[in-house]
Amino acid sequence: MAIVNLTPDSFFAPSRVEASGALARVGELLAQGADIIDFGAVSTRPGAQDVPVEQEWERLEPVLRRCDGSFEFSIDTTSAEIVRRAYALAGPFIVNDISAGEDDPEMLPTVSLLGLKYIAMHKRGNPRTMDSRCEYPEGVVPALVDYFRRFERIAAETGIGEWILDPGLGFAKTPQQCWEILEQLEAFAPLGRPVLIGAADKRFTAGDTEKAHRTALLHGADILRVHDVPAAIQTLQDLA
């Protein structure tokens, strides 16, 4: 999964693109070997401010209008309204929700109604408070397993069939906790869901994203959300 940020303030500056250049960037990423393109129109970096729905849509709409169905894409959003508008304009896509439906009570019913694939990520708080919410008395991995077991029940009750698990590295987790999660991804296997890892260039990697990717793959990750597609593919090949 390759990242295309339609924002002026995402934490990794090279991933930012203007709407006018987005599809050219998509072409590059697909040519490099990306399987899924993840469009984001709201930054979730530490300290980021909330973005109104109309501003988020203003960034997304011109790009989605030119999507022709030739590649699979996801949209990184917590807004059910954005999901509805995007589906009406561009058809089916993967909803990549960092709040697992907690930020918008209409999100899960909307995803169910439209029959969309869904990525549920764990976080606490928001980009301005999450760094102060890293306490897990029972341990971070057991806490996440419990969280996704609860989400599994909610998804079933809501009618969401196909969902992907994202432990939310860097979102209310210390660097040590992020590494613990990567080294214990097998703990999520009983849930029977694909595991997505978003480690690319985050603070805890200290500049070595591919170390995080190697660790994730060795412990069962299914999808890597990346900025550098060739480097990720090389990591995959090295482990083959």
Protein backbone atom coordinates (compact mmCIF):
# COMPACT_ATOMS: atom_id res chain seq x y z
CA MET A 1 0.00 0.00 0.00
CA ALA A 2 1.63 3.22 -1.21
CA ILE A 3 0.84 6.58 0.42
CA VAL A 4 -0.30 9.65 -1.51
CA ASN A 5 -0.90 12.57 0.85
CA LEU A 6 -3.08 15.33 -0.58
CA THR A 7 -2.17 17.59 2.32
CA PRO A 8 0.24 20.49 2.85
CA ASP A 9 1.24 19.32 6.33
CA SER A 10 1.65 15.53 6.47
CA PHE A 11 4.69 14.66 8.58
CA PHE A 12 6.64 13.06 5.70
CA ALA A 13 7.08 15.92 3.25
CA PRO A 14 8.08 13.82 0.18
CA SER A 15 4.70 12.06 0.29
CA ARG A 16 2.78 15.31 -0.21
CA VAL A 17 1.39 16.02 -3.66
CA GLU A 18 -0.93 18.58 -5.18
CA ALA A 19 -4.17 17.25 -6.61
CA SER A 20 -3.00 18.15 -10.10
CA GLY A 21 0.01 15.86 -9.79
CA ALA A 22 -1.61 13.05 -7.83
CA LEU A 23 -2.41 10.70 -10.69
CA ALA A 24 1.07 11.06 -12.14
CA ARG A 25 2.41 10.06 -8.74
CA VAL A 26 -0.04 7.16 -8.62
CA GLY A 27 1.30 5.98 -11.99
CA GLU A 28 4.85 6.05 -10.65
CA LEU A 29 3.92 4.08 -7.55
CA LEU A 30 2.01 1.45 -9.52
CA ALA A 31 4.92 1.09 -11.93
CA GLN A 32 7.21 0.56 -8.94
CA GLY A 33 5.04 -2.32 -7.77
CA ALA A 34 2.42 -0.88 -5.40
CA ASP A 35 -0.78 -2.93 -5.12
CA ILE A 36 -2.99 -0.36 -3.35
CA ILE A 37 -2.86 3.45 -3.34
CA ASP A 38 -3.83 5.12 -0.06
CA PHE A 39 -5.15 8.66 -0.52
CA GLY A 40 -5.13 10.90 2.54
CA ALA A 41 -6.51 14.43 2.73
CA VAL A 42 -6.11 15.00 6.48
CA SER A 43 -2.82 14.87 8.34
CA THR A 44 -2.78 12.72 11.49
CA ARG A 45 0.78 13.57 12.51
CA PRO A 46 1.35 14.46 16.18
CA GLY A 47 -0.08 17.92 16.86
CA ALA A 48 -2.12 18.11 13.66
CA GLN A 49 -5.32 20.12 13.73
CA ASP A 50 -8.73 18.84 12.65
CA VAL A 51 -9.80 19.55 9.08
CA PRO A 52 -13.43 20.38 8.16
CA VAL A 53 -15.18 17.86 5.91
CA GLU A 54 -15.55 20.40 3.11
CA GLN A 55 -11.81 21.06 3.08
CA GLU A 56 -11.04 17.34 3.13
CA TRP A 57 -13.41 16.82 0.20
CA GLU A 58 -11.96 19.78 -1.69
CA ARG A 59 -8.59 17.98 -1.64
CA LEU A 60 -9.98 14.55 -2.53
CA GLU A 61 -12.68 15.26 -5.09
CA PRO A 62 -10.56 16.32 -8.08
CA VAL A 63 -8.35 13.24 -7.67
CA LEU A 64 -11.22 10.78 -7.27
CA ARG A 65 -13.00 12.30 -10.24
CA ARG A 66 -10.12 11.14 -12.42
CA CYS A 67 -9.79 7.63 -10.97
CA ASP A 68 -10.80 5.20 -13.73
CA GLY A 69 -11.08 1.95 -11.78
CA SER A 70 -7.80 0.59 -13.09
CA PHE A 71 -6.21 0.32 -9.63
CA GLU A 72 -7.33 -0.44 -6.09
CA PHE A 73 -7.29 2.46 -3.69
CA SER A 74 -8.09 3.30 -0.11
CA ILE A 75 -9.06 6.60 1.50
CA ASP A 76 -7.61 7.53 4.86
CA THR A 77 -10.57 9.20 6.56
CA THR A 78 -12.61 9.10 9.75
CA SER A 79 -15.66 10.74 8.13
CA ALA A 80 -18.71 8.79 6.97
CA GLU A 81 -19.73 11.78 4.83
CA ILE A 82 -16.43 11.54 2.93
CA VAL A 83 -17.04 7.81 2.44
CA ARG A 84 -20.51 8.45 1.02
CA ARG A 85 -19.31 11.17 -1.35
CA ALA A 86 -16.29 9.17 -2.50
CA TYR A 87 -18.39 6.08 -3.19
CA ALA A 88 -20.94 8.09 -5.16
CA LEU A 89 -18.16 9.58 -7.29
CA ALA A 90 -15.65 6.76 -7.69
CA GLY A 91 -17.33 3.50 -6.70
CA PRO A 92 -15.97 0.86 -4.28
CA PHE A 93 -12.74 1.45 -2.36
CA ILE A 94 -11.14 0.50 0.96
CA VAL A 95 -11.99 2.71 3.92
CA ASN A 96 -8.86 3.31 6.01
CA ASP A 97 -10.18 4.62 9.35
CA ILE A 98 -7.63 5.43 12.05
CA SER A 99 -10.43 5.57 14.62
CA ALA A 100 -12.03 2.16 13.92
CA GLY A 101 -15.38 3.94 13.78
CA GLU A 102 -15.00 5.75 17.10
CA ASP A 103 -14.72 9.29 15.70
CA ASP A 104 -17.94 9.17 13.65
CA PRO A 105 -20.90 7.06 14.79
CA GLU A 106 -22.15 6.89 11.19
CA MET A 107 -18.94 5.33 9.85
CA LEU A 108 -19.52 1.63 10.51
CA PRO A 109 -23.19 1.64 9.40
CA THR A 110 -22.14 3.48 6.23
CA VAL A 111 -19.37 1.01 5.44
CA SER A 112 -21.79 -1.86 6.02
CA LEU A 113 -24.51 -0.32 3.85
CA LEU A 114 -22.10 0.24 0.96
CA GLY A 115 -20.41 -3.15 1.37
CA LEU A 116 -16.90 -1.71 1.50
CA LYS A 117 -13.65 -3.21 2.74
CA TYR A 118 -12.55 -1.59 5.98
CA ILE A 119 -9.31 -1.00 7.86
CA ALA A 120 -9.79 -0.63 11.61
CA MET A 121 -6.87 1.02 13.40
CA HIS A 122 -6.31 1.38 17.13
CA LYS A 123 -5.60 4.78 18.59
CA ARG A 124 -6.31 6.79 21.70
CA GLY A 125 -7.22 10.44 21.79
CA ASN A 126 -6.35 12.65 18.83
CA PRO A 127 -3.11 13.90 17.24
CA ARG A 128 -2.80 16.55 19.96
CA THR A 129 -3.29 14.21 22.94
CA MET A 130 -2.20 10.74 21.83
CA ASP A 131 1.42 11.02 22.99
CA SER A 132 0.17 11.38 26.57
CA ARG A 133 -2.00 8.25 26.43
CA CYS A 134 0.54 5.44 26.19
CA GLU A 135 -0.19 3.65 29.47
CA TYR A 136 -1.29 0.01 29.14
CA PRO A 137 -1.20 -1.63 32.59
CA GLU A 138 -1.86 -5.07 31.15
CA GLY A 139 0.76 -4.60 28.40
CA VAL A 140 0.26 -3.01 25.01
CA VAL A 141 -0.17 -6.23 23.00
CA PRO A 142 -2.81 -7.81 25.30
CA ALA A 143 -4.63 -4.46 25.35
CA LEU A 144 -4.71 -4.37 21.55
CA VAL A 145 -5.87 -7.97 21.26
CA ASP A 146 -8.76 -7.18 23.62
CA TYR A 147 -9.55 -4.03 21.64
CA PHE A 148 -9.79 -5.89 18.34
CA ARG A 149 -11.83 -8.71 19.87
CA ARG A 150 -14.33 -6.05 20.89
CA PHE A 151 -14.18 -4.51 17.43
CA GLU A 152 -14.76 -7.94 15.90
CA ARG A 153 -18.05 -8.18 17.78
CA ILE A 154 -19.07 -4.65 16.80
CA ALA A 155 -18.23 -5.30 13.14
CA ALA A 156 -20.31 -8.48 13.14
CA GLU A 157 -23.25 -6.71 14.74
CA THR A 158 -22.99 -3.87 12.22
CA GLY A 159 -22.71 -6.18 9.24
CA ILE A 160 -19.10 -5.47 8.23
CA GLY A 161 -17.69 -8.66 6.75
CA GLU A 162 -14.28 -7.83 5.30
CA TRP A 163 -12.00 -5.86 7.60
CA ILE A 164 -8.27 -5.45 8.14
CA LEU A 165 -6.51 -4.95 11.47
CA ASP A 166 -4.02 -2.09 11.99
CA PRO A 167 -2.41 -1.87 15.46
CA GLY A 168 -1.72 1.86 14.98
CA LEU A 169 2.02 2.17 15.44
CA GLY A 170 2.89 5.58 16.85
CA PHE A 171 -0.68 6.37 17.85
CA ALA A 172 -0.62 6.44 21.65
CA LYS A 173 2.34 4.05 21.70
CA THR A 174 5.91 4.69 22.79
CA PRO A 175 8.80 3.61 20.56
CA GLN A 176 9.39 0.58 22.80
CA GLN A 177 5.72 -0.37 22.57
CA CYS A 178 5.82 -0.10 18.77
CA TRP A 179 8.67 -2.59 18.63
CA GLU A 180 6.88 -4.89 21.07
CA ILE A 181 3.86 -4.89 18.77
CA LEU A 182 5.95 -5.70 15.69
CA GLU A 183 7.73 -8.53 17.49
CA GLN A 184 4.44 -10.02 18.72
CA LEU A 185 2.15 -9.74 15.70
CA GLU A 186 1.43 -13.44 16.02
CA ALA A 187 -0.83 -12.52 18.94
CA PHE A 188 -3.37 -11.18 16.41
CA ALA A 189 -3.45 -14.38 14.33
CA PRO A 190 -6.40 -15.96 16.21
CA LEU A 191 -8.57 -13.08 14.98
CA GLY A 192 -8.09 -14.37 11.45
CA ARG A 193 -7.80 -10.92 9.89
CA PRO A 194 -5.13 -9.48 7.59
CA VAL A 195 -2.70 -7.25 9.52
CA LEU A 196 -1.66 -3.91 8.07
CA ILE A 197 1.48 -2.19 9.35
CA GLY A 198 2.06 1.53 8.95
CA ALA A 199 5.64 2.03 10.08
CA ALA A 200 7.02 4.12 7.23
CA ASP A 201 9.37 6.86 8.47
CA LYS A 202 7.68 7.12 11.87
CA ARG A 203 9.66 8.41 14.83
CA PHE A 204 10.11 5.03 16.47
CA THR A 205 12.01 3.68 13.44
CA ALA A 206 14.82 6.23 13.99
CA GLY A 207 15.30 6.43 10.23
CA ASP A 208 15.33 2.67 9.57
CA THR A 209 11.89 1.94 8.14
CA GLU A 210 13.05 -1.30 6.52
CA LYS A 211 14.10 -2.75 9.88
CA ALA A 212 10.50 -2.26 11.00
CA HIS A 213 9.22 -3.79 7.77
CA ARG A 214 11.47 -6.83 8.13
CA THR A 215 10.33 -7.35 11.70
CA ALA A 216 6.68 -7.00 10.69
CA LEU A 217 6.96 -9.46 7.82
CA LEU A 218 8.81 -12.02 9.91
CA HIS A 219 6.00 -11.93 12.47
CA GLY A 220 3.07 -12.18 10.09
CA ALA A 221 2.21 -8.78 8.59
CA ASP A 222 0.12 -8.98 5.42
CA ILE A 223 0.16 -5.38 4.16
CA LEU A 224 2.83 -2.69 4.45
CA ARG A 225 1.71 0.93 4.15
CA VAL A 226 4.79 2.64 2.70
CA HIS A 227 6.31 5.76 1.22
CA ASP A 228 9.21 3.99 -0.53
CA VAL A 229 7.78 1.19 -2.69
CA PRO A 230 11.09 -0.07 -4.20
CA ALA A 231 12.67 -0.34 -0.74
CA ALA A 232 9.69 -2.28 0.60
CA ILE A 233 9.73 -4.64 -2.36
CA GLN A 234 13.45 -5.23 -1.88
CA THR A 235 12.78 -6.09 1.76
CA LEU A 236 10.13 -8.59 0.66
CA GLN A 237 12.51 -10.16 -1.85
CA ASP A 238 15.33 -10.38 0.70
CA LEU A 239 13.07 -12.38 3.00
CA ALA A 240 11.69 -14.65 0.30
